[in-house]
Amino acid sequence: MTPTLSLSDAQAQVDSWIRRYGVRYFSELTNLGILMEEVGELSRILVRRYGDQSFKEQEAEREAGDELADVLWVLLCLANQTGVNLTEAFLKNMEKKTQRDAQRHLNNEKLRG
């Protein structure tokens, strides 16, 4: 059975880990820079796995899941630092997208081919 974890629980786990092992959060700007680094690492894997480039020998074992989790970790840190409840923000964002794009993608001929 696949374990489940809510966004609120994930935010709480990250906060607990930071307080126990991390001493304190890095500054918001430092975490923004780290987020960009982690997205770059994820991009490198996906470009090589699904794009036209090949892996370098030392890169072949890197996992997209691990890099996605690194991106999520830093997003959770930034949410905690800036007081964002990701559950509320995500649900609000889904509603916005649903209202805005309810017919847009269904009517996009580019997506049908």
PDB file of N, CA and C in Angstrom:
ATOM      1  N   MET A   1       0.839  -1.173   0.000  1.00  0.00           N
ATOM      2  CA  MET A   1       0.000   0.000   0.000  1.00  0.00           C
ATOM      3  C   MET A   1       0.892   1.247   0.000  1.00  0.00           C
ATOM      4  N   THR A   2       0.532   2.220  -0.825  1.00  0.00           N
ATOM      5  CA  THR A   2       1.284   3.450  -0.931  1.00  0.00           C
ATOM      6  C   THR A   2       0.961   4.364   0.251  1.00  0.00           C
ATOM      7  N   PRO A   3       1.976   4.849   0.931  1.00  0.00           N
ATOM      8  CA  PRO A   3       1.705   5.763   2.049  1.00  0.00           C
ATOM      9  C   PRO A   3       1.129   7.081   1.537  1.00  0.00           C
ATOM     10  N   THR A   4       0.323   7.718   2.364  1.00  0.00           N
ATOM     11  CA  THR A   4      -0.235   9.018   1.999  1.00  0.00           C
ATOM     12  C   THR A   4       0.277  10.075   2.959  1.00  0.00           C
ATOM     13  N   LEU A   5       0.307  11.293   2.475  1.00  0.00           N
ATOM     14  CA  LEU A   5       0.804  12.413   3.264  1.00  0.00           C
ATOM     15  C   LEU A   5       0.116  13.673   2.747  1.00  0.00           C
ATOM     16  N   SER A   6      -0.515  14.400   3.627  1.00  0.00           N
ATOM     17  CA  SER A   6      -1.150  15.650   3.218  1.00  0.00           C
ATOM     18  C   SER A   6      -0.093  16.741   3.087  1.00  0.00           C
ATOM     19  N   LEU A   7      -0.438  17.783   2.370  1.00  0.00           N
ATOM     20  CA  LEU A   7       0.470  18.921   2.271  1.00  0.00           C
ATOM     21  C   LEU A   7       0.729  19.537   3.645  1.00  0.00           C
ATOM     22  N   SER A   8      -0.309  19.610   4.463  1.00  0.00           N
ATOM     23  CA  SER A   8      -0.142  20.157   5.821  1.00  0.00           C
ATOM     24  C   SER A   8       0.824  19.307   6.634  1.00  0.00           C
ATOM     25  N   ASP A   9       0.690  17.994   6.524  1.00  0.00           N
ATOM     26  CA  ASP A   9       1.613  17.100   7.232  1.00  0.00           C
ATOM     27  C   ASP A   9       3.037  17.263   6.709  1.00  0.00           C
ATOM     28  N   ALA A  10       3.175  17.399   5.406  1.00  0.00           N
ATOM     29  CA  ALA A  10       4.508  17.584   4.823  1.00  0.00           C
ATOM     30  C   ALA A  10       5.125  18.882   5.320  1.00  0.00           C
ATOM     31  N   GLN A  11       4.334  19.957   5.357  1.00  0.00           N
ATOM     32  CA  GLN A  11       4.856  21.227   5.879  1.00  0.00           C
ATOM     33  C   GLN A  11       5.295  21.067   7.328  1.00  0.00           C
ATOM     34  N   ALA A  12       4.502  20.362   8.114  1.00  0.00           N
ATOM     35  CA  ALA A  12       4.840  20.158   9.530  1.00  0.00           C
ATOM     36  C   ALA A  12       6.093  19.294   9.680  1.00  0.00           C
ATOM     37  N   GLN A  13       6.232  18.270   8.847  1.00  0.00           N
ATOM     38  CA  GLN A  13       7.419  17.411   8.931  1.00  0.00           C
ATOM     39  C   GLN A  13       8.683  18.176   8.581  1.00  0.00           C
ATOM     40  N   VAL A  14       8.614  19.001   7.550  1.00  0.00           N
ATOM     41  CA  VAL A  14       9.775  19.807   7.177  1.00  0.00           C
ATOM     42  C   VAL A  14      10.129  20.757   8.315  1.00  0.00           C
ATOM     43  N   ASP A  15       9.126  21.416   8.885  1.00  0.00           N
ATOM     44  CA  ASP A  15       9.381  22.348   9.983  1.00  0.00           C
ATOM     45  C   ASP A  15      10.018  21.629  11.166  1.00  0.00           C
ATOM     46  N   SER A  16       9.518  20.462  11.494  1.00  0.00           N
ATOM     47  CA  SER A  16      10.067  19.675  12.594  1.00  0.00           C
ATOM     48  C   SER A  16      11.520  19.287  12.309  1.00  0.00           C
ATOM     49  N   TRP A  17      11.790  18.858  11.086  1.00  0.00           N
ATOM     50  CA  TRP A  17      13.152  18.461  10.714  1.00  0.00           C
ATOM     51  C   TRP A  17      14.100  19.650  10.820  1.00  0.00           C
ATOM     52  N   ILE A  18      13.661  20.792  10.292  1.00  0.00           N
ATOM     53  CA  ILE A  18      14.505  22.000  10.348  1.00  0.00           C
ATOM     54  C   ILE A  18      14.838  22.344  11.791  1.00  0.00           C
ATOM     55  N   ARG A  19      13.847  22.310  12.651  1.00  0.00           N
ATOM     56  CA  ARG A  19      14.062  22.673  14.053  1.00  0.00           C
ATOM     57  C   ARG A  19      14.963  21.661  14.768  1.00  0.00           C
ATOM     58  N   ARG A  20      14.883  20.388  14.367  1.00  0.00           N
ATOM     59  CA  ARG A  20      15.677  19.361  15.047  1.00  0.00           C
ATOM     60  C   ARG A  20      17.087  19.242  14.481  1.00  0.00           C
ATOM     61  N   TYR A  21      17.209  19.253  13.143  1.00  0.00           N
ATOM     62  CA  TYR A  21      18.502  18.977  12.519  1.00  0.00           C
ATOM     63  C   TYR A  21      19.109  20.169  11.767  1.00  0.00           C
ATOM     64  N   GLY A  22      18.282  21.071  11.345  1.00  0.00           N
ATOM     65  CA  GLY A  22      18.759  22.138  10.467  1.00  0.00           C
ATOM     66  C   GLY A  22      19.147  23.420  11.167  1.00  0.00           C
ATOM     67  N   VAL A  23      18.969  23.489  12.453  1.00  0.00           N
ATOM     68  CA  VAL A  23      19.258  24.656  13.286  1.00  0.00           C
ATOM     69  C   VAL A  23      18.235  25.763  13.020  1.00  0.00           C
ATOM     70  N   ARG A  24      18.133  26.207  11.756  1.00  0.00           N
ATOM     71  CA  ARG A  24      17.151  27.214  11.363  1.00  0.00           C
ATOM     72  C   ARG A  24      16.970  27.137   9.855  1.00  0.00           C
ATOM     73  N   TYR A  25      15.935  27.783   9.374  1.00  0.00           N
ATOM     74  CA  TYR A  25      15.738  27.870   7.924  1.00  0.00           C
ATOM     75  C   TYR A  25      16.819  28.750   7.316  1.00  0.00           C
ATOM     76  N   PHE A  26      17.246  28.413   6.106  1.00  0.00           N
ATOM     77  CA  PHE A  26      18.053  29.349   5.339  1.00  0.00           C
ATOM     78  C   PHE A  26      17.149  30.540   5.027  1.00  0.00           C
ATOM     79  N   SER A  27      17.723  31.666   4.677  1.00  0.00           N
ATOM     80  CA  SER A  27      16.903  32.829   4.329  1.00  0.00           C
ATOM     81  C   SER A  27      16.030  32.513   3.114  1.00  0.00           C
ATOM     82  N   GLU A  28      14.969  33.266   2.973  1.00  0.00           N
ATOM     83  CA  GLU A  28      14.051  33.056   1.852  1.00  0.00           C
ATOM     84  C   GLU A  28      14.774  33.190   0.508  1.00  0.00           C
ATOM     85  N   LEU A  29      15.666  34.167   0.397  1.00  0.00           N
ATOM     86  CA  LEU A  29      16.388  34.341  -0.867  1.00  0.00           C
ATOM     87  C   LEU A  29      17.356  33.195  -1.116  1.00  0.00           C
ATOM     88  N   THR A  30      17.999  32.703  -0.071  1.00  0.00           N
ATOM     89  CA  THR A  30      18.866  31.529  -0.234  1.00  0.00           C
ATOM     90  C   THR A  30      18.037  30.341  -0.686  1.00  0.00           C
ATOM     91  N   ASN A  31      16.878  30.137  -0.060  1.00  0.00           N
ATOM     92  CA  ASN A  31      16.027  29.016  -0.468  1.00  0.00           C
ATOM     93  C   ASN A  31      15.503  29.189  -1.887  1.00  0.00           C
ATOM     94  N   LEU A  32      15.255  30.414  -2.317  1.00  0.00           N
ATOM     95  CA  LEU A  32      14.857  30.638  -3.703  1.00  0.00           C
ATOM     96  C   LEU A  32      15.977  30.203  -4.647  1.00  0.00           C
ATOM     97  N   GLY A  33      17.209  30.547  -4.318  1.00  0.00           N
ATOM     98  CA  GLY A  33      18.355  30.111  -5.125  1.00  0.00           C
ATOM     99  C   GLY A  33      18.490  28.597  -5.133  1.00  0.00           C
ATOM    100  N   ILE A  34      18.304  27.972  -3.975  1.00  0.00           N
ATOM    101  CA  ILE A  34      18.368  26.507  -3.891  1.00  0.00           C
ATOM    102  C   ILE A  34      17.259  25.884  -4.726  1.00  0.00           C
ATOM    103  N   LEU A  35      16.072  26.485  -4.693  1.00  0.00           N
ATOM    104  CA  LEU A  35      14.969  25.981  -5.514  1.00  0.00           C
ATOM    105  C   LEU A  35      15.341  25.999  -6.997  1.00  0.00           C
ATOM    106  N   MET A  36      15.946  27.079  -7.439  1.00  0.00           N
ATOM    107  CA  MET A  36      16.358  27.169  -8.843  1.00  0.00           C
ATOM    108  C   MET A  36      17.391  26.085  -9.177  1.00  0.00           C
ATOM    109  N   GLU A  37      18.325  25.841  -8.264  1.00  0.00           N
ATOM    110  CA  GLU A  37      19.313  24.778  -8.467  1.00  0.00           C
ATOM    111  C   GLU A  37      18.635  23.417  -8.597  1.00  0.00           C
ATOM    112  N   GLU A  38      17.693  23.147  -7.702  1.00  0.00           N
ATOM    113  CA  GLU A  38      17.017  21.844  -7.713  1.00  0.00           C
ATOM    114  C   GLU A  38      16.167  21.668  -8.972  1.00  0.00           C
ATOM    115  N   VAL A  39      15.507  22.726  -9.414  1.00  0.00           N
ATOM    116  CA  VAL A  39      14.737  22.644 -10.661  1.00  0.00           C
ATOM    117  C   VAL A  39      15.686  22.379 -11.825  1.00  0.00           C
ATOM    118  N   GLY A  40      16.856  22.994 -11.796  1.00  0.00           N
ATOM    119  CA  GLY A  40      17.858  22.737 -12.839  1.00  0.00           C
ATOM    120  C   GLY A  40      18.312  21.283 -12.856  1.00  0.00           C
ATOM    121  N   GLU A  41      18.512  20.708 -11.681  1.00  0.00           N
ATOM    122  CA  GLU A  41      18.905  19.297 -11.608  1.00  0.00           C
ATOM    123  C   GLU A  41      17.801  18.389 -12.133  1.00  0.00           C
ATOM    124  N   LEU A  42      16.570  18.699 -11.798  1.00  0.00           N
ATOM    125  CA  LEU A  42      15.437  17.937 -12.326  1.00  0.00           C
ATOM    126  C   LEU A  42      15.362  18.082 -13.842  1.00  0.00           C
ATOM    127  N   SER A  43      15.534  19.289 -14.327  1.00  0.00           N
ATOM    128  CA  SER A  43      15.509  19.543 -15.764  1.00  0.00           C
ATOM    129  C   SER A  43      16.573  18.728 -16.482  1.00  0.00           C
ATOM    130  N   ARG A  44      17.758  18.673 -15.920  1.00  0.00           N
ATOM    131  CA  ARG A  44      18.854  17.920 -16.540  1.00  0.00           C
ATOM    132  C   ARG A  44      18.474  16.445 -16.719  1.00  0.00           C
ATOM    133  N   ILE A  45      17.866  15.863 -15.705  1.00  0.00           N
ATOM    134  CA  ILE A  45      17.457  14.459 -15.783  1.00  0.00           C
ATOM    135  C   ILE A  45      16.361  14.273 -16.830  1.00  0.00           C
ATOM    136  N   LEU A  46      15.341  15.113 -16.799  1.00  0.00           N
ATOM    137  CA  LEU A  46      14.215  14.954 -17.720  1.00  0.00           C
ATOM    138  C   LEU A  46      14.623  15.215 -19.168  1.00  0.00           C
ATOM    139  N   VAL A  47      15.504  16.187 -19.386  1.00  0.00           N
ATOM    140  CA  VAL A  47      15.989  16.476 -20.738  1.00  0.00           C
ATOM    141  C   VAL A  47      16.744  15.275 -21.301  1.00  0.00           C
ATOM    142  N   ARG A  48      17.498  14.603 -20.455  1.00  0.00           N
ATOM    143  CA  ARG A  48      18.266  13.453 -20.921  1.00  0.00           C
ATOM    144  C   ARG A  48      17.401  12.194 -21.039  1.00  0.00           C
ATOM    145  N   ARG A  49      16.441  12.047 -20.148  1.00  0.00           N
ATOM    146  CA  ARG A  49      15.594  10.858 -20.194  1.00  0.00           C
ATOM    147  C   ARG A  49      14.558  10.936 -21.320  1.00  0.00           C
ATOM    148  N   TYR A  50      13.972  12.107 -21.525  1.00  0.00           N
ATOM    149  CA  TYR A  50      12.877  12.238 -22.482  1.00  0.00           C
ATOM    150  C   TYR A  50      13.221  13.098 -23.690  1.00  0.00           C
ATOM    151  N   GLY A  51      14.341  13.792 -23.622  1.00  0.00           N
ATOM    152  CA  GLY A  51      14.767  14.646 -24.730  1.00  0.00           C
ATOM    153  C   GLY A  51      15.822  13.970 -25.577  1.00  0.00           C
ATOM    154  N   ASP A  52      16.576  14.771 -26.283  1.00  0.00           N
ATOM    155  CA  ASP A  52      17.532  14.252 -27.258  1.00  0.00           C
ATOM    156  C   ASP A  52      18.941  14.045 -26.713  1.00  0.00           C
ATOM    157  N   GLN A  53      19.250  14.585 -25.559  1.00  0.00           N
ATOM    158  CA  GLN A  53      20.589  14.416 -25.005  1.00  0.00           C
ATOM    159  C   GLN A  53      20.711  13.076 -24.297  1.00  0.00           C
ATOM    160  N   SER A  54      21.947  12.603 -24.207  1.00  0.00           N
ATOM    161  CA  SER A  54      22.203  11.367 -23.465  1.00  0.00           C
ATOM    162  C   SER A  54      22.836  11.710 -22.121  1.00  0.00           C
ATOM    163  N   PHE A  55      22.726  10.761 -21.190  1.00  0.00           N
ATOM    164  CA  PHE A  55      23.318  10.934 -19.869  1.00  0.00           C
ATOM    165  C   PHE A  55      24.824  10.819 -19.954  1.00  0.00           C
ATOM    166  N   LYS A  56      25.508  11.591 -19.116  1.00  0.00           N
ATOM    167  CA  LYS A  56      26.919  11.351 -18.873  1.00  0.00           C
ATOM    168  C   LYS A  56      26.972  10.149 -17.943  1.00  0.00           C
ATOM    169  N   GLU A  57      28.075   9.439 -17.947  1.00  0.00           N
ATOM    170  CA  GLU A  57      28.176   8.190 -17.185  1.00  0.00           C
ATOM    171  C   GLU A  57      27.789   8.350 -15.721  1.00  0.00           C
ATOM    172  N   GLN A  58      28.260   9.398 -15.058  1.00  0.00           N
ATOM    173  CA  GLN A  58      27.993   9.580 -13.634  1.00  0.00           C
ATOM    174  C   GLN A  58      26.568  10.056 -13.358  1.00  0.00           C
ATOM    175  N   GLU A  59      25.842  10.462 -14.379  1.00  0.00           N
ATOM    176  CA  GLU A  59      24.481  10.957 -14.198  1.00  0.00           C
ATOM    177  C   GLU A  59      23.415   9.884 -14.367  1.00  0.00           C
ATOM    178  N   ALA A  60      23.768   8.773 -14.963  1.00  0.00           N
ATOM    179  CA  ALA A  60      22.774   7.782 -15.378  1.00  0.00           C
ATOM    180  C   ALA A  60      21.922   7.246 -14.233  1.00  0.00           C
ATOM    181  N   GLU A  61      22.452   7.223 -13.029  1.00  0.00           N
ATOM    182  CA  GLU A  61      21.735   6.637 -11.904  1.00  0.00           C
ATOM    183  C   GLU A  61      20.819   7.629 -11.171  1.00  0.00           C
ATOM    184  N   ARG A  62      20.881   8.888 -11.523  1.00  0.00           N
ATOM    185  CA  ARG A  62      20.075   9.886 -10.820  1.00  0.00           C
ATOM    186  C   ARG A  62      18.602   9.675 -11.122  1.00  0.00           C
ATOM    187  N   GLU A  63      17.799   9.855 -10.110  1.00  0.00           N
ATOM    188  CA  GLU A  63      16.364   9.587 -10.217  1.00  0.00           C
ATOM    189  C   GLU A  63      15.560  10.883 -10.243  1.00  0.00           C
ATOM    190  N   ALA A  64      14.604  10.949 -11.141  1.00  0.00           N
ATOM    191  CA  ALA A  64      13.724  12.108 -11.215  1.00  0.00           C
ATOM    192  C   ALA A  64      12.925  12.260  -9.917  1.00  0.00           C
ATOM    193  N   GLY A  65      12.503  11.148  -9.327  1.00  0.00           N
ATOM    194  CA  GLY A  65      11.735  11.206  -8.091  1.00  0.00           C
ATOM    195  C   GLY A  65      12.487  11.892  -6.974  1.00  0.00           C
ATOM    196  N   ASP A  66      13.777  11.609  -6.859  1.00  0.00           N
ATOM    197  CA  ASP A  66      14.585  12.242  -5.820  1.00  0.00           C
ATOM    198  C   ASP A  66      14.691  13.741  -6.063  1.00  0.00           C
ATOM    199  N   GLU A  67      14.867  14.122  -7.316  1.00  0.00           N
ATOM    200  CA  GLU A  67      14.969  15.549  -7.636  1.00  0.00           C
ATOM    201  C   GLU A  67      13.631  16.253  -7.441  1.00  0.00           C
ATOM    202  N   LEU A  68      12.529  15.597  -7.797  1.00  0.00           N
ATOM    203  CA  LEU A  68      11.208  16.175  -7.540  1.00  0.00           C
ATOM    204  C   LEU A  68      11.003  16.378  -6.038  1.00  0.00           C
ATOM    205  N   ALA A  69      11.446  15.410  -5.244  1.00  0.00           N
ATOM    206  CA  ALA A  69      11.323  15.535  -3.790  1.00  0.00           C
ATOM    207  C   ALA A  69      12.187  16.681  -3.265  1.00  0.00           C
ATOM    208  N   ASP A  70      13.359  16.900  -3.852  1.00  0.00           N
ATOM    209  CA  ASP A  70      14.191  18.043  -3.463  1.00  0.00           C
ATOM    210  C   ASP A  70      13.474  19.359  -3.759  1.00  0.00           C
ATOM    211  N   VAL A  71      12.843  19.446  -4.927  1.00  0.00           N
ATOM    212  CA  VAL A  71      12.086  20.645  -5.291  1.00  0.00           C
ATOM    213  C   VAL A  71      10.946  20.854  -4.294  1.00  0.00           C
ATOM    214  N   LEU A  72      10.223  19.781  -3.992  1.00  0.00           N
ATOM    215  CA  LEU A  72       9.116  19.867  -3.045  1.00  0.00           C
ATOM    216  C   LEU A  72       9.600  20.310  -1.667  1.00  0.00           C
ATOM    217  N   TRP A  73      10.715  19.763  -1.222  1.00  0.00           N
ATOM    218  CA  TRP A  73      11.286  20.126   0.081  1.00  0.00           C
ATOM    219  C   TRP A  73      11.490  21.638   0.180  1.00  0.00           C
ATOM    220  N   VAL A  74      12.128  22.211  -0.832  1.00  0.00           N
ATOM    221  CA  VAL A  74      12.424  23.645  -0.778  1.00  0.00           C
ATOM    222  C   VAL A  74      11.135  24.455  -0.894  1.00  0.00           C
ATOM    223  N   LEU A  75      10.176  24.001  -1.697  1.00  0.00           N
ATOM    224  CA  LEU A  75       8.881  24.679  -1.762  1.00  0.00           C
ATOM    225  C   LEU A  75       8.185  24.667  -0.401  1.00  0.00           C
ATOM    226  N   LEU A  76       8.268  23.532   0.287  1.00  0.00           N
ATOM    227  CA  LEU A  76       7.687  23.433   1.624  1.00  0.00           C
ATOM    228  C   LEU A  76       8.386  24.380   2.588  1.00  0.00           C
ATOM    229  N   CYS A  77       9.700  24.465   2.497  1.00  0.00           N
ATOM    230  CA  CYS A  77      10.447  25.416   3.337  1.00  0.00           C
ATOM    231  C   CYS A  77       9.980  26.839   3.074  1.00  0.00           C
ATOM    232  N   LEU A  78       9.905  27.215   1.804  1.00  0.00           N
ATOM    233  CA  LEU A  78       9.490  28.570   1.460  1.00  0.00           C
ATOM    234  C   LEU A  78       8.058  28.860   1.919  1.00  0.00           C
ATOM    235  N   ALA A  79       7.182  27.880   1.786  1.00  0.00           N
ATOM    236  CA  ALA A  79       5.810  28.057   2.265  1.00  0.00           C
ATOM    237  C   ALA A  79       5.801  28.289   3.767  1.00  0.00           C
ATOM    238  N   ASN A  80       6.548  27.480   4.498  1.00  0.00           N
ATOM    239  CA  ASN A  80       6.620  27.649   5.952  1.00  0.00           C
ATOM    240  C   ASN A  80       7.162  29.023   6.325  1.00  0.00           C
ATOM    241  N   GLN A  81       8.208  29.427   5.649  1.00  0.00           N
ATOM    242  CA  GLN A  81       8.853  30.698   5.981  1.00  0.00           C
ATOM    243  C   GLN A  81       7.969  31.901   5.687  1.00  0.00           C
ATOM    244  N   THR A  82       7.132  31.795   4.674  1.00  0.00           N
ATOM    245  CA  THR A  82       6.336  32.944   4.249  1.00  0.00           C
ATOM    246  C   THR A  82       4.893  32.859   4.728  1.00  0.00           C
ATOM    247  N   GLY A  83       4.597  31.840   5.554  1.00  0.00           N
ATOM    248  CA  GLY A  83       3.268  31.723   6.137  1.00  0.00           C
ATOM    249  C   GLY A  83       2.188  31.251   5.182  1.00  0.00           C
ATOM    250  N   VAL A  84       2.578  30.527   4.148  1.00  0.00           N
ATOM    251  CA  VAL A  84       1.609  30.027   3.175  1.00  0.00           C
ATOM    252  C   VAL A  84       1.156  28.626   3.584  1.00  0.00           C
ATOM    253  N   ASN A  85      -0.150  28.458   3.707  1.00  0.00           N
ATOM    254  CA  ASN A  85      -0.741  27.139   3.915  1.00  0.00           C
ATOM    255  C   ASN A  85      -0.927  26.536   2.531  1.00  0.00           C
ATOM    256  N   LEU A  86      -0.085  25.575   2.176  1.00  0.00           N
ATOM    257  CA  LEU A  86      -0.113  25.028   0.822  1.00  0.00           C
ATOM    258  C   LEU A  86      -1.409  24.295   0.500  1.00  0.00           C
ATOM    259  N   THR A  87      -2.052  23.704   1.473  1.00  0.00           N
ATOM    260  CA  THR A  87      -3.328  23.049   1.211  1.00  0.00           C
ATOM    261  C   THR A  87      -4.340  24.078   0.736  1.00  0.00           C
ATOM    262  N   GLU A  88      -4.474  25.171   1.482  1.00  0.00           N
ATOM    263  CA  GLU A  88      -5.403  26.228   1.090  1.00  0.00           C
ATOM    264  C   GLU A  88      -5.014  26.846  -0.245  1.00  0.00           C
ATOM    265  N   ALA A  89      -3.723  27.116  -0.427  1.00  0.00           N
ATOM    266  CA  ALA A  89      -3.255  27.739  -1.671  1.00  0.00           C
ATOM    267  C   ALA A  89      -3.497  26.828  -2.866  1.00  0.00           C
ATOM    268  N   PHE A  90      -3.238  25.534  -2.692  1.00  0.00           N
ATOM    269  CA  PHE A  90      -3.438  24.586  -3.788  1.00  0.00           C
ATOM    270  C   PHE A  90      -4.910  24.484  -4.169  1.00  0.00           C
ATOM    271  N   LEU A  91      -5.775  24.357  -3.167  1.00  0.00           N
ATOM    272  CA  LEU A  91      -7.210  24.241  -3.461  1.00  0.00           C
ATOM    273  C   LEU A  91      -7.735  25.502  -4.142  1.00  0.00           C
ATOM    274  N   LYS A  92      -7.296  26.648  -3.686  1.00  0.00           N
ATOM    275  CA  LYS A  92      -7.695  27.911  -4.312  1.00  0.00           C
ATOM    276  C   LYS A  92      -7.186  27.983  -5.748  1.00  0.00           C
ATOM    277  N   ASN A  93      -5.963  27.532  -5.973  1.00  0.00           N
ATOM    278  CA  ASN A  93      -5.372  27.549  -7.303  1.00  0.00           C
ATOM    279  C   ASN A  93      -6.101  26.587  -8.246  1.00  0.00           C
ATOM    280  N   MET A  94      -6.481  25.420  -7.732  1.00  0.00           N
ATOM    281  CA  MET A  94      -7.245  24.469  -8.552  1.00  0.00           C
ATOM    282  C   MET A  94      -8.583  25.065  -8.974  1.00  0.00           C
ATOM    283  N   GLU A  95      -9.243  25.745  -8.053  1.00  0.00           N
ATOM    284  CA  GLU A  95     -10.515  26.393  -8.381  1.00  0.00           C
ATOM    285  C   GLU A  95     -10.323  27.460  -9.447  1.00  0.00           C
ATOM    286  N   LYS A  96      -9.254  28.258  -9.304  1.00  0.00           N
ATOM    287  CA  LYS A  96      -8.951  29.295 -10.294  1.00  0.00           C
ATOM    288  C   LYS A  96      -8.734  28.681 -11.670  1.00  0.00           C
ATOM    289  N   LYS A  97      -7.923  27.632 -11.727  1.00  0.00           N
ATOM    290  CA  LYS A  97      -7.648  26.976 -13.005  1.00  0.00           C
ATOM    291  C   LYS A  97      -8.920  26.373 -13.607  1.00  0.00           C
ATOM    292  N   THR A  98      -9.743  25.780 -12.768  1.00  0.00           N
ATOM    293  CA  THR A  98     -10.980  25.163 -13.244  1.00  0.00           C
ATOM    294  C   THR A  98     -11.908  26.223 -13.829  1.00  0.00           C
ATOM    295  N   GLN A  99     -12.058  27.333 -13.129  1.00  0.00           N
ATOM    296  CA  GLN A  99     -12.915  28.410 -13.621  1.00  0.00           C
ATOM    297  C   GLN A  99     -12.366  28.988 -14.929  1.00  0.00           C
ATOM    298  N   ARG A 100     -11.086  29.216 -14.959  1.00  0.00           N
ATOM    299  CA  ARG A 100     -10.468  29.872 -16.103  1.00  0.00           C
ATOM    300  C   ARG A 100     -10.373  28.957 -17.318  1.00  0.00           C
ATOM    301  N   ASP A 101     -10.079  27.680 -17.082  1.00  0.00           N
ATOM    302  CA  ASP A 101      -9.733  26.785 -18.185  1.00  0.00           C
ATOM    303  C   ASP A 101     -10.738  25.663 -18.415  1.00  0.00           C
ATOM    304  N   ALA A 102     -11.959  25.807 -17.900  1.00  0.00           N
ATOM    305  CA  ALA A 102     -12.953  24.729 -18.003  1.00  0.00           C
ATOM    306  C   ALA A 102     -13.166  24.284 -19.447  1.00  0.00           C
ATOM    307  N   GLN A 103     -13.152  25.186 -20.393  1.00  0.00           N
ATOM    308  CA  GLN A 103     -13.359  24.837 -21.797  1.00  0.00           C
ATOM    309  C   GLN A 103     -12.112  25.052 -22.647  1.00  0.00           C
ATOM    310  N   ARG A 104     -11.194  25.841 -22.159  1.00  0.00           N
ATOM    311  CA  ARG A 104     -10.032  26.257 -22.951  1.00  0.00           C
ATOM    312  C   ARG A 104      -9.262  25.072 -23.533  1.00  0.00           C
ATOM    313  N   HIS A 105      -8.903  24.113 -22.723  1.00  0.00           N
ATOM    314  CA  HIS A 105      -8.089  22.998 -23.202  1.00  0.00           C
ATOM    315  C   HIS A 105      -8.916  21.996 -23.993  1.00  0.00           C
ATOM    316  N   LEU A 106     -10.177  21.854 -23.613  1.00  0.00           N
ATOM    317  CA  LEU A 106     -11.059  20.947 -24.356  1.00  0.00           C
ATOM    318  C   LEU A 106     -11.221  21.403 -25.802  1.00  0.00           C
ATOM    319  N   ASN A 107     -11.136  22.696 -26.029  1.00  0.00           N
ATOM    320  CA  ASN A 107     -11.314  23.254 -27.366  1.00  0.00           C
ATOM    321  C   ASN A 107     -10.001  23.505 -28.096  1.00  0.00           C
ATOM    322  N   ASN A 108      -8.896  23.077 -27.542  1.00  0.00           N
ATOM    323  CA  ASN A 108      -7.587  23.307 -28.149  1.00  0.00           C
ATOM    324  C   ASN A 108      -7.254  22.172 -29.108  1.00  0.00           C
ATOM    325  N   GLU A 109      -7.287  22.470 -30.392  1.00  0.00           N
ATOM    326  CA  GLU A 109      -7.015  21.462 -31.426  1.00  0.00           C
ATOM    327  C   GLU A 109      -5.583  20.909 -31.317  1.00  0.00           C
ATOM    328  N   LYS A 110      -4.666  21.691 -30.810  1.00  0.00           N
ATOM    329  CA  LYS A 110      -3.274  21.247 -30.662  1.00  0.00           C
ATOM    330  C   LYS A 110      -3.153  20.078 -29.701  1.00  0.00           C
ATOM    331  N   LEU A 111      -4.075  19.984 -28.761  1.00  0.00           N
ATOM    332  CA  LEU A 111      -4.026  18.919 -27.751  1.00  0.00           C
ATOM    333  C   LEU A 111      -4.728  17.661 -28.207  1.00  0.00           C
ATOM    334  N   ARG A 112      -5.436  17.715 -29.283  1.00  0.00           N
ATOM    335  CA  ARG A 112      -6.218  16.567 -29.757  1.00  0.00           C
ATOM    336  C   ARG A 112      -5.448  15.659 -30.694  1.00  0.00           C
ATOM    337  N   GLY A 113      -4.329  16.110 -31.213  1.00  0.00           N
ATOM    338  CA  GLY A 113      -3.623  15.343 -32.234  1.00  0.00           C
ATOM    339  C   GLY A 113      -2.612  14.468 -31.695  1.00  0.00           C
TER     340      GLY A 113
END
